Amino acid sequence: MLKGVKCETAKCQIERKQKGLAPGMHGWRRGRASEYGVRLREKQKVKRYYGLFDKQFMRYFHEAERVKGNTGQMLLQLLERRLDNVIYKLNFAPSRKAARQIIAYGHIHVNGHKVDIPDYTVVIGDKITVKDNERAKKLVKAQLESNPNFTTQGWLQLDRDGLEATIVALPSREDVQIPIEEQLVVENCSR
């Protein structure tokens, strides 16, 4: 009874037959993505997942190219070893953006030294600790207590009581949890 006159025609917005289409009169024309488009989407997915700009991403890609081994796996390994990602994986922060903020405010120490650069790359043996002040410890403890069943990945070793962690190995491809085809990313970046 409250529907307008337009709902008596095929153009009814409430009962549209074309629910899977994009809005607008050209929504039905959306076709398949080209090969370039598919590769670009994979690259953008990785960039958004780790919160990187294109220039930063390409720096990691060129670094991964120089290392011996599979370029795609080396790229993902370098991205996993970023300090903001490690802080997120240790459950010290609820998101990568929050981890970046915690690092920028100086709440994280690596090997006893304050590190305020989120893209700092950790290596095997690095010891990550929370700054020895009440505010920083309260912030991290609250996050750890909010998710008590959280388990860390095999390449990280966490001491919940001391609020410290150690990098015991390099991350493998299985540690990257996003559904990504790194070969498509490599093909897009190396053109």
N, C-alpha and C. Protein backbone atom coordinates (compact mmCIF):
# COMPACT_ATOMS: atom_id res chain seq x y z
N MET A 1 0.82 -1.20 0.00
CA MET A 1 0.00 0.00 0.00
C MET A 1 0.86 1.26 0.00
N LEU A 2 2.05 1.18 0.57
CA LEU A 2 2.89 2.37 0.62
C LEU A 2 3.86 2.47 -0.55
N LYS A 3 3.78 1.52 -1.48
CA LYS A 3 4.66 1.56 -2.64
C LYS A 3 4.16 2.60 -3.63
N GLY A 4 5.11 3.20 -4.31
CA GLY A 4 4.74 4.20 -5.30
C GLY A 4 4.23 3.58 -6.59
N VAL A 5 3.86 4.43 -7.53
CA VAL A 5 3.34 3.98 -8.82
C VAL A 5 4.42 3.24 -9.60
N LYS A 6 5.67 3.62 -9.41
CA LYS A 6 6.77 3.00 -10.14
C LYS A 6 6.91 1.51 -9.82
N CYS A 7 6.45 1.10 -8.65
CA CYS A 7 6.58 -0.30 -8.26
C CYS A 7 5.58 -1.21 -8.97
N GLU A 8 4.67 -0.62 -9.72
CA GLU A 8 3.76 -1.43 -10.51
C GLU A 8 4.38 -1.79 -11.85
N THR A 9 5.56 -1.24 -12.16
CA THR A 9 6.26 -1.54 -13.41
C THR A 9 7.47 -2.42 -13.13
N ALA A 10 8.22 -2.73 -14.17
CA ALA A 10 9.42 -3.57 -14.03
C ALA A 10 10.58 -2.81 -13.39
N LYS A 11 10.45 -1.48 -13.24
CA LYS A 11 11.53 -0.66 -12.69
C LYS A 11 11.45 -0.50 -11.17
N CYS A 12 10.66 -1.32 -10.51
CA CYS A 12 10.49 -1.24 -9.07
C CYS A 12 11.82 -1.46 -8.36
N GLN A 13 12.22 -0.51 -7.54
CA GLN A 13 13.50 -0.61 -6.82
C GLN A 13 13.44 -1.62 -5.69
N ILE A 14 12.27 -1.87 -5.15
CA ILE A 14 12.14 -2.78 -4.03
C ILE A 14 12.21 -4.23 -4.48
N GLU A 15 11.57 -4.53 -5.58
CA GLU A 15 11.51 -5.91 -6.06
C GLU A 15 12.25 -6.05 -7.39
N ARG A 16 13.45 -5.57 -7.46
CA ARG A 16 14.22 -5.63 -8.71
C ARG A 16 14.54 -7.05 -9.08
N LYS A 17 14.43 -7.33 -10.34
CA LYS A 17 14.77 -8.66 -10.84
C LYS A 17 16.27 -8.77 -11.08
N GLN A 18 16.93 -7.63 -11.16
CA GLN A 18 18.35 -7.62 -11.50
C GLN A 18 19.18 -7.37 -10.24
N LYS A 19 18.98 -8.16 -9.21
CA LYS A 19 19.64 -7.91 -7.93
C LYS A 19 21.16 -8.06 -8.00
N GLY A 20 21.67 -8.90 -8.89
CA GLY A 20 23.11 -9.14 -8.94
C GLY A 20 23.87 -8.12 -9.76
N LEU A 21 23.18 -7.15 -10.32
CA LEU A 21 23.84 -6.19 -11.20
C LEU A 21 24.28 -4.95 -10.44
N ALA A 22 25.22 -4.26 -11.03
CA ALA A 22 25.69 -3.00 -10.47
C ALA A 22 24.61 -1.94 -10.66
N PRO A 23 24.59 -0.91 -9.80
CA PRO A 23 23.57 0.13 -9.95
C PRO A 23 23.80 0.94 -11.22
N GLY A 24 22.73 1.52 -11.72
CA GLY A 24 22.82 2.35 -12.92
C GLY A 24 22.31 1.63 -14.15
N MET A 25 22.16 2.38 -15.21
CA MET A 25 21.59 1.80 -16.43
C MET A 25 22.57 0.93 -17.19
N HIS A 26 23.86 1.03 -16.88
CA HIS A 26 24.86 0.22 -17.59
C HIS A 26 25.38 -0.94 -16.75
N GLY A 27 24.71 -1.26 -15.67
CA GLY A 27 25.17 -2.31 -14.76
C GLY A 27 25.27 -3.67 -15.42
N TRP A 28 24.47 -3.93 -16.42
CA TRP A 28 24.48 -5.24 -17.07
C TRP A 28 25.65 -5.40 -18.01
N ARG A 29 26.38 -4.34 -18.29
CA ARG A 29 27.49 -4.41 -19.25
C ARG A 29 28.82 -4.81 -18.63
N ARG A 30 28.85 -5.00 -17.35
CA ARG A 30 30.11 -5.32 -16.69
C ARG A 30 30.59 -6.68 -17.18
N GLY A 31 31.76 -6.72 -17.75
CA GLY A 31 32.29 -7.96 -18.32
C GLY A 31 33.39 -8.55 -17.47
N ARG A 32 34.05 -9.52 -18.05
CA ARG A 32 35.17 -10.16 -17.36
C ARG A 32 36.36 -9.23 -17.32
N ALA A 33 37.15 -9.36 -16.29
CA ALA A 33 38.37 -8.55 -16.19
C ALA A 33 39.42 -9.10 -17.15
N SER A 34 40.23 -8.21 -17.68
CA SER A 34 41.32 -8.63 -18.55
C SER A 34 42.41 -9.31 -17.73
N GLU A 35 43.40 -9.86 -18.40
CA GLU A 35 44.51 -10.50 -17.68
C GLU A 35 45.24 -9.47 -16.81
N TYR A 36 45.41 -8.28 -17.36
CA TYR A 36 46.04 -7.22 -16.59
C TYR A 36 45.20 -6.87 -15.37
N GLY A 37 43.88 -6.80 -15.55
CA GLY A 37 42.99 -6.47 -14.46
C GLY A 37 43.04 -7.49 -13.33
N VAL A 38 43.14 -8.77 -13.68
CA VAL A 38 43.22 -9.83 -12.67
C VAL A 38 44.50 -9.69 -11.86
N ARG A 39 45.62 -9.45 -12.56
CA ARG A 39 46.91 -9.31 -11.88
C ARG A 39 46.95 -8.05 -11.01
N LEU A 40 46.36 -6.97 -11.51
CA LEU A 40 46.31 -5.73 -10.75
C LEU A 40 45.49 -5.91 -9.48
N ARG A 41 44.36 -6.62 -9.55
CA ARG A 41 43.53 -6.87 -8.37
C ARG A 41 44.30 -7.65 -7.30
N GLU A 42 45.10 -8.64 -7.73
CA GLU A 42 45.89 -9.41 -6.76
C GLU A 42 46.91 -8.51 -6.07
N LYS A 43 47.56 -7.65 -6.85
CA LYS A 43 48.55 -6.73 -6.27
C LYS A 43 47.87 -5.77 -5.29
N GLN A 44 46.71 -5.24 -5.67
CA GLN A 44 46.00 -4.31 -4.80
C GLN A 44 45.52 -5.00 -3.53
N LYS A 45 45.16 -6.28 -3.65
CA LYS A 45 44.71 -7.03 -2.48
C LYS A 45 45.83 -7.13 -1.45
N VAL A 46 47.05 -7.42 -1.93
CA VAL A 46 48.20 -7.53 -1.02
C VAL A 46 48.52 -6.16 -0.41
N LYS A 47 48.50 -5.11 -1.23
CA LYS A 47 48.80 -3.78 -0.73
C LYS A 47 47.81 -3.35 0.34
N ARG A 48 46.54 -3.62 0.14
CA ARG A 48 45.52 -3.22 1.11
C ARG A 48 45.60 -4.07 2.37
N TYR A 49 45.95 -5.33 2.22
CA TYR A 49 46.04 -6.21 3.37
C TYR A 49 47.12 -5.74 4.34
N TYR A 50 48.26 -5.31 3.79
CA TYR A 50 49.36 -4.86 4.64
C TYR A 50 49.36 -3.34 4.85
N GLY A 51 48.47 -2.61 4.19
CA GLY A 51 48.37 -1.17 4.38
C GLY A 51 49.54 -0.41 3.79
N LEU A 52 49.92 -0.74 2.56
CA LEU A 52 51.08 -0.12 1.91
C LEU A 52 50.65 0.77 0.75
N PHE A 53 51.46 1.77 0.47
CA PHE A 53 51.31 2.54 -0.75
C PHE A 53 52.10 1.85 -1.86
N ASP A 54 51.89 2.29 -3.09
CA ASP A 54 52.52 1.62 -4.23
C ASP A 54 54.04 1.72 -4.18
N LYS A 55 54.57 2.88 -3.81
CA LYS A 55 56.02 3.06 -3.76
C LYS A 55 56.66 2.14 -2.73
N GLN A 56 56.02 2.02 -1.56
CA GLN A 56 56.52 1.11 -0.52
C GLN A 56 56.47 -0.33 -1.02
N PHE A 57 55.36 -0.70 -1.64
CA PHE A 57 55.19 -2.06 -2.13
C PHE A 57 56.26 -2.40 -3.16
N MET A 58 56.51 -1.48 -4.07
CA MET A 58 57.51 -1.74 -5.12
C MET A 58 58.91 -1.84 -4.53
N ARG A 59 59.19 -1.12 -3.45
CA ARG A 59 60.48 -1.25 -2.77
C ARG A 59 60.65 -2.67 -2.23
N TYR A 60 59.60 -3.21 -1.62
CA TYR A 60 59.65 -4.58 -1.13
C TYR A 60 59.78 -5.57 -2.29
N PHE A 61 59.11 -5.29 -3.39
CA PHE A 61 59.19 -6.19 -4.55
C PHE A 61 60.61 -6.23 -5.10
N HIS A 62 61.24 -5.07 -5.25
CA HIS A 62 62.61 -5.04 -5.78
C HIS A 62 63.59 -5.72 -4.83
N GLU A 63 63.34 -5.59 -3.54
CA GLU A 63 64.18 -6.28 -2.56
C GLU A 63 64.00 -7.80 -2.66
N ALA A 64 62.75 -8.24 -2.88
CA ALA A 64 62.47 -9.67 -3.03
C ALA A 64 63.07 -10.23 -4.31
N GLU A 65 63.15 -9.42 -5.35
CA GLU A 65 63.76 -9.85 -6.61
C GLU A 65 65.25 -10.13 -6.45
N ARG A 66 65.91 -9.34 -5.61
CA ARG A 66 67.35 -9.50 -5.42
C ARG A 66 67.72 -10.75 -4.64
N VAL A 67 66.81 -11.23 -3.80
CA VAL A 67 67.08 -12.40 -2.97
C VAL A 67 66.90 -13.66 -3.80
N LYS A 68 67.78 -14.64 -3.58
CA LYS A 68 67.65 -15.91 -4.29
C LYS A 68 66.42 -16.65 -3.81
N GLY A 69 65.74 -17.29 -4.71
CA GLY A 69 64.54 -18.05 -4.35
C GLY A 69 63.33 -17.55 -5.11
N ASN A 70 62.18 -18.06 -4.75
CA ASN A 70 60.92 -17.68 -5.37
C ASN A 70 60.59 -16.24 -4.99
N THR A 71 60.47 -15.36 -5.98
CA THR A 71 60.25 -13.94 -5.72
C THR A 71 58.93 -13.70 -4.99
N GLY A 72 57.88 -14.41 -5.37
CA GLY A 72 56.58 -14.23 -4.72
C GLY A 72 56.61 -14.61 -3.26
N GLN A 73 57.24 -15.73 -2.95
CA GLN A 73 57.33 -16.15 -1.55
C GLN A 73 58.24 -15.23 -0.74
N MET A 74 59.32 -14.77 -1.36
CA MET A 74 60.21 -13.83 -0.66
C MET A 74 59.50 -12.51 -0.39
N LEU A 75 58.66 -12.07 -1.34
CA LEU A 75 57.90 -10.83 -1.15
C LEU A 75 56.95 -10.97 0.04
N LEU A 76 56.21 -12.07 0.08
CA LEU A 76 55.28 -12.28 1.19
C LEU A 76 56.03 -12.43 2.52
N GLN A 77 57.20 -13.05 2.47
CA GLN A 77 57.99 -13.20 3.70
C GLN A 77 58.46 -11.83 4.20
N LEU A 78 58.90 -10.97 3.29
CA LEU A 78 59.33 -9.62 3.70
C LEU A 78 58.16 -8.84 4.28
N LEU A 79 57.00 -8.97 3.68
CA LEU A 79 55.83 -8.24 4.18
C LEU A 79 55.37 -8.77 5.54
N GLU A 80 55.49 -10.08 5.74
CA GLU A 80 55.11 -10.66 7.04
C GLU A 80 56.06 -10.23 8.14
N ARG A 81 57.31 -9.93 7.80
CA ARG A 81 58.31 -9.56 8.79
C ARG A 81 58.28 -8.09 9.16
N ARG A 82 57.38 -7.31 8.59
CA ARG A 82 57.23 -5.90 8.99
C ARG A 82 56.83 -5.85 10.46
N LEU A 83 57.34 -4.89 11.19
CA LEU A 83 57.08 -4.81 12.63
C LEU A 83 55.59 -4.60 12.93
N ASP A 84 54.90 -3.79 12.14
CA ASP A 84 53.47 -3.58 12.41
C ASP A 84 52.69 -4.87 12.21
N ASN A 85 53.07 -5.69 11.24
CA ASN A 85 52.41 -6.97 11.03
C ASN A 85 52.72 -7.94 12.17
N VAL A 86 53.95 -7.93 12.64
CA VAL A 86 54.34 -8.82 13.74
C VAL A 86 53.59 -8.46 15.01
N ILE A 87 53.45 -7.16 15.29
CA ILE A 87 52.72 -6.72 16.48
C ILE A 87 51.26 -7.18 16.38
N TYR A 88 50.68 -7.09 15.18
CA TYR A 88 49.30 -7.55 14.98
C TYR A 88 49.21 -9.07 15.15
N LYS A 89 50.18 -9.81 14.62
CA LYS A 89 50.16 -11.27 14.71
C LYS A 89 50.39 -11.75 16.15
N LEU A 90 51.04 -10.93 16.96
CA LEU A 90 51.24 -11.28 18.37
C LEU A 90 50.03 -10.92 19.22
N ASN A 91 49.03 -10.30 18.63
CA ASN A 91 47.81 -9.87 19.31
C ASN A 91 48.09 -8.75 20.31
N PHE A 92 49.11 -7.94 20.03
CA PHE A 92 49.37 -6.75 20.85
C PHE A 92 48.46 -5.61 20.42
N ALA A 93 47.86 -5.71 19.22
CA ALA A 93 46.98 -4.68 18.69
C ALA A 93 45.82 -5.34 17.95
N PRO A 94 44.65 -4.71 17.92
CA PRO A 94 43.50 -5.32 17.27
C PRO A 94 43.55 -5.29 15.74
N SER A 95 44.36 -4.42 15.15
CA SER A 95 44.47 -4.34 13.70
C SER A 95 45.87 -3.86 13.33
N ARG A 96 46.17 -3.91 12.04
CA ARG A 96 47.48 -3.44 11.59
C ARG A 96 47.59 -1.92 11.74
N LYS A 97 46.50 -1.21 11.54
CA LYS A 97 46.53 0.24 11.72
C LYS A 97 46.80 0.59 13.18
N ALA A 98 46.16 -0.13 14.09
CA ALA A 98 46.39 0.11 15.51
C ALA A 98 47.82 -0.26 15.89
N ALA A 99 48.34 -1.32 15.29
CA ALA A 99 49.73 -1.72 15.55
C ALA A 99 50.68 -0.63 15.07
N ARG A 100 50.39 -0.05 13.92
CA ARG A 100 51.21 1.03 13.39
C ARG A 100 51.21 2.21 14.34
N GLN A 101 50.06 2.49 14.93
CA GLN A 101 49.94 3.61 15.86
C GLN A 101 50.69 3.32 17.16
N ILE A 102 50.59 2.11 17.67
CA ILE A 102 51.31 1.74 18.89
C ILE A 102 52.81 1.89 18.68
N ILE A 103 53.29 1.48 17.51
CA ILE A 103 54.72 1.58 17.20
C ILE A 103 55.12 3.05 17.08
N ALA A 104 54.32 3.83 16.37
CA ALA A 104 54.65 5.24 16.15
C ALA A 104 54.69 6.03 17.45
N TYR A 105 53.88 5.64 18.43
CA TYR A 105 53.88 6.33 19.73
C TYR A 105 55.03 5.88 20.62
N GLY A 106 55.84 4.92 20.16
CA GLY A 106 57.03 4.52 20.91
C GLY A 106 56.77 3.50 21.99
N HIS A 107 55.69 2.73 21.91
CA HIS A 107 55.37 1.74 22.94
C HIS A 107 56.09 0.41 22.74
N ILE A 108 56.81 0.24 21.62
CA ILE A 108 57.45 -1.04 21.30
C ILE A 108 58.96 -0.87 21.26
N HIS A 109 59.65 -1.83 21.85
CA HIS A 109 61.11 -1.88 21.81
C HIS A 109 61.54 -3.18 21.12
N VAL A 110 62.57 -3.08 20.29
CA VAL A 110 63.14 -4.25 19.65
C VAL A 110 64.59 -4.36 20.11
N ASN A 111 64.92 -5.48 20.74
CA ASN A 111 66.26 -5.71 21.29
C ASN A 111 66.68 -4.60 22.26
N GLY A 112 65.72 -4.09 23.03
CA GLY A 112 66.02 -3.09 24.05
C GLY A 112 66.05 -1.66 23.55
N HIS A 113 65.86 -1.43 22.26
CA HIS A 113 65.88 -0.08 21.70
C HIS A 113 64.49 0.30 21.20
N LYS A 114 64.10 1.55 21.45
CA LYS A 114 62.80 2.01 20.97
C LYS A 114 62.80 2.05 19.45
N VAL A 115 61.76 1.48 18.86
CA VAL A 115 61.59 1.52 17.41
C VAL A 115 60.25 2.17 17.14
N ASP A 116 60.27 3.29 16.41
CA ASP A 116 59.01 3.97 16.10
C ASP A 116 58.74 3.99 14.60
N ILE A 117 59.31 3.03 13.87
CA ILE A 117 59.12 2.91 12.43
C ILE A 117 58.33 1.63 12.16
N PRO A 118 57.10 1.74 11.67
CA PRO A 118 56.27 0.55 11.47
C PRO A 118 56.80 -0.43 10.43
N ASP A 119 57.58 0.05 9.46
CA ASP A 119 58.07 -0.89 8.45
C ASP A 119 59.45 -1.46 8.77
N TYR A 120 59.84 -1.38 10.02
CA TYR A 120 61.08 -2.02 10.47
C TYR A 120 60.96 -3.53 10.21
N THR A 121 61.99 -4.11 9.62
CA THR A 121 61.97 -5.54 9.30
C THR A 121 62.68 -6.32 10.41
N VAL A 122 61.96 -7.26 11.01
CA VAL A 122 62.53 -8.06 12.08
C VAL A 122 63.29 -9.24 11.49
N VAL A 123 64.27 -9.74 12.23
CA VAL A 123 65.07 -10.89 11.82
C VAL A 123 65.02 -11.94 12.92
N ILE A 124 65.53 -13.12 12.61
CA ILE A 124 65.55 -14.20 13.59
C ILE A 124 66.36 -13.77 14.81
N GLY A 125 65.81 -14.00 15.98
CA GLY A 125 66.50 -13.66 17.23
C GLY A 125 66.10 -12.32 17.81
N ASP A 126 65.37 -11.50 17.07
CA ASP A 126 64.93 -10.21 17.61
C ASP A 126 63.96 -10.43 18.77
N LYS A 127 64.13 -9.62 19.80
CA LYS A 127 63.27 -9.70 20.97
C LYS A 127 62.41 -8.43 21.00
N ILE A 128 61.11 -8.62 20.93
CA ILE A 128 60.17 -7.51 20.90
C ILE A 128 59.54 -7.39 22.29
N THR A 129 59.64 -6.21 22.88
CA THR A 129 59.08 -5.98 24.21
C THR A 129 58.21 -4.73 24.19
N VAL A 130 57.36 -4.63 25.18
CA VAL A 130 56.53 -3.44 25.35
C VAL A 130 57.28 -2.48 26.26
N LYS A 131 57.18 -1.20 25.96
CA LYS A 131 57.85 -0.16 26.75
C LYS A 131 57.50 -0.32 28.23
N ASP A 132 58.48 -0.06 29.08
CA ASP A 132 58.30 -0.27 30.51
C ASP A 132 57.61 0.94 31.16
N ASN A 133 56.37 1.18 30.75
CA ASN A 133 55.57 2.17 31.47
C ASN A 133 54.14 1.63 31.58
N GLU A 134 53.42 2.14 32.53
CA GLU A 134 52.11 1.58 32.87
C GLU A 134 51.11 1.70 31.72
N ARG A 135 51.14 2.81 31.03
CA ARG A 135 50.16 3.05 29.96
C ARG A 135 50.33 2.05 28.82
N ALA A 136 51.57 1.84 28.38
CA ALA A 136 51.82 0.92 27.27
C ALA A 136 51.46 -0.51 27.66
N LYS A 137 51.86 -0.91 28.87
CA LYS A 137 51.56 -2.28 29.32
C LYS A 137 50.06 -2.50 29.49
N LYS A 138 49.36 -1.49 29.99
CA LYS A 138 47.92 -1.59 30.17
C LYS A 138 47.23 -1.76 28.81
N LEU A 139 47.68 -1.02 27.82
CA LEU A 139 47.12 -1.07 26.48
C LEU A 139 47.26 -2.46 25.87
N VAL A 140 48.45 -3.04 25.97
CA VAL A 140 48.72 -4.35 25.38
C VAL A 140 48.03 -5.46 26.18
N LYS A 141 48.06 -5.36 27.51
CA LYS A 141 47.39 -6.38 28.34
C LYS A 141 45.90 -6.43 28.08
N ALA A 142 45.29 -5.27 27.90
CA ALA A 142 43.85 -5.23 27.61
C ALA A 142 43.55 -5.95 26.30
N GLN A 143 44.40 -5.77 25.30
CA GLN A 143 44.20 -6.45 24.02
C GLN A 143 44.41 -7.95 24.16
N LEU A 144 45.43 -8.36 24.89
CA LEU A 144 45.69 -9.80 25.08
C LEU A 144 44.56 -10.47 25.86
N GLU A 145 44.00 -9.77 26.85
CA GLU A 145 42.91 -10.33 27.64
C GLU A 145 41.60 -10.37 26.87
N SER A 146 41.46 -9.51 25.88
CA SER A 146 40.21 -9.50 25.10
C SER A 146 40.09 -10.74 24.22
N ASN A 147 41.20 -11.40 23.95
CA ASN A 147 41.19 -12.60 23.11
C ASN A 147 42.07 -13.67 23.77
N PRO A 148 41.58 -14.34 24.83
CA PRO A 148 42.42 -15.27 25.58
C PRO A 148 42.75 -16.56 24.82
N ASN A 149 41.97 -16.94 23.83
CA ASN A 149 42.22 -18.17 23.09
C ASN A 149 43.12 -17.98 21.89
N PHE A 150 43.70 -16.81 21.76
CA PHE A 150 44.55 -16.49 20.63
C PHE A 150 45.84 -17.31 20.67
N THR A 151 46.23 -17.91 19.55
CA THR A 151 47.49 -18.63 19.47
C THR A 151 48.38 -17.96 18.42
N THR A 152 49.65 -17.86 18.73
CA THR A 152 50.57 -17.24 17.79
C THR A 152 51.02 -18.26 16.75
N GLN A 153 51.56 -17.75 15.67
CA GLN A 153 52.06 -18.62 14.61
C GLN A 153 53.39 -19.22 15.04
N GLY A 154 53.81 -20.26 14.32
CA GLY A 154 54.99 -21.02 14.70
C GLY A 154 56.30 -20.25 14.66
N TRP A 155 56.37 -19.20 13.88
CA TRP A 155 57.63 -18.46 13.76
C TRP A 155 57.77 -17.38 14.83
N LEU A 156 56.75 -17.24 15.68
CA LEU A 156 56.78 -16.28 16.78
C LEU A 156 56.63 -17.00 18.11
N GLN A 157 57.35 -16.55 19.11
CA GLN A 157 57.24 -17.12 20.44
C GLN A 157 56.85 -15.99 21.39
N LEU A 158 55.68 -16.14 22.04
CA LEU A 158 55.13 -15.08 22.87
C LEU A 158 55.15 -15.47 24.35
N ASP A 159 55.59 -14.53 25.18
CA ASP A 159 55.52 -14.67 26.63
C ASP A 159 54.46 -13.67 27.10
N ARG A 160 53.25 -14.17 27.40
CA ARG A 160 52.13 -13.29 27.76
C ARG A 160 52.37 -12.55 29.07
N ASP A 161 53.02 -13.18 30.02
CA ASP A 161 53.23 -12.56 31.32
C ASP A 161 54.25 -11.42 31.25
N GLY A 162 55.33 -11.63 30.53
CA GLY A 162 56.38 -10.63 30.41
C GLY A 162 56.13 -9.63 29.31
N LEU A 163 55.06 -9.82 28.52
CA LEU A 163 54.75 -8.97 27.36
C LEU A 163 55.95 -8.83 26.44
N GLU A 164 56.51 -9.95 26.09
CA GLU A 164 57.63 -9.94 25.15
C GLU A 164 57.51 -11.13 24.21
N ALA A 165 58.14 -10.99 23.06
CA ALA A 165 58.10 -12.03 22.04
C ALA A 165 59.46 -12.14 21.37
N THR A 166 59.71 -13.30 20.80
CA THR A 166 60.97 -13.56 20.11
C THR A 166 60.66 -14.12 18.73
N ILE A 167 61.44 -13.69 17.75
CA ILE A 167 61.32 -14.23 16.39
C ILE A 167 62.20 -15.47 16.35
N VAL A 168 61.60 -16.66 16.21
CA VAL A 168 62.36 -17.91 16.26
C VAL A 168 62.64 -18.48 14.88
N ALA A 169 61.94 -18.03 13.85
CA ALA A 169 62.16 -18.53 12.49
C ALA A 169 61.62 -17.48 11.52
N LEU A 170 61.86 -17.72 10.24
CA LEU A 170 61.28 -16.85 9.22
C LEU A 170 59.89 -17.37 8.86
N PRO A 171 58.96 -16.49 8.53
CA PRO A 171 57.62 -16.96 8.17
C PRO A 171 57.63 -17.73 6.85
N SER A 172 56.80 -18.75 6.76
CA SER A 172 56.70 -19.53 5.53
C SER A 172 55.45 -19.11 4.78
N ARG A 173 55.25 -19.70 3.63
CA ARG A 173 54.06 -19.37 2.81
C ARG A 173 52.77 -19.75 3.53
N GLU A 174 52.80 -20.79 4.34
CA GLU A 174 51.61 -21.24 5.07
C GLU A 174 51.20 -20.24 6.15
N ASP A 175 52.14 -19.40 6.60
CA ASP A 175 51.82 -18.42 7.63
C ASP A 175 51.03 -17.23 7.08
N VAL A 176 51.07 -17.05 5.77
CA VAL A 176 50.30 -15.96 5.15
C VAL A 176 48.88 -16.44 4.98
N GLN A 177 47.95 -15.79 5.65
CA GLN A 177 46.59 -16.31 5.73
C GLN A 177 45.65 -15.75 4.67
N ILE A 178 46.11 -14.81 3.86
CA ILE A 178 45.21 -14.27 2.84
C ILE A 178 45.22 -15.19 1.62
N PRO A 179 44.07 -15.35 0.98
CA PRO A 179 44.03 -16.15 -0.25
C PRO A 179 44.59 -15.34 -1.41
N ILE A 180 45.85 -15.55 -1.71
CA ILE A 180 46.53 -14.75 -2.72
C ILE A 180 47.35 -15.65 -3.63
N GLU A 181 47.39 -15.30 -4.88
CA GLU A 181 48.26 -15.99 -5.83
C GLU A 181 49.45 -15.07 -6.09
N GLU A 182 50.55 -15.34 -5.41
CA GLU A 182 51.69 -14.43 -5.47
C GLU A 182 52.32 -14.38 -6.86
N GLN A 183 52.12 -15.43 -7.67
CA GLN A 183 52.67 -15.44 -9.02
C GLN A 183 52.05 -14.33 -9.86
N LEU A 184 50.75 -14.08 -9.67
CA LEU A 184 50.09 -13.00 -10.41
C LEU A 184 50.63 -11.64 -9.99
N VAL A 185 50.96 -11.49 -8.72
CA VAL A 185 51.53 -10.24 -8.22
C VAL A 185 52.90 -10.01 -8.85
N VAL A 186 53.70 -11.06 -8.91
CA VAL A 186 55.04 -10.96 -9.51
C VAL A 186 54.93 -10.61 -10.99
N GLU A 187 53.98 -11.23 -11.69
CA GLU A 187 53.80 -10.95 -13.11
C GLU A 187 53.38 -9.50 -13.32
N ASN A 188 52.55 -8.97 -12.44
CA ASN A 188 52.12 -7.58 -12.59
C ASN A 188 53.26 -6.62 -12.32
N CYS A 189 54.06 -6.89 -11.30
CA CYS A 189 55.11 -5.95 -10.90
C CYS A 189 56.32 -6.00 -11.82
N SER A 190 56.56 -7.10 -12.47
CA SER A 190 57.78 -7.23 -13.28
C SER A 190 57.57 -6.81 -14.73
N ARG A 191 56.43 -6.26 -15.08
CA ARG A 191 56.23 -5.81 -16.44
C ARG A 191 56.81 -4.43 -16.64
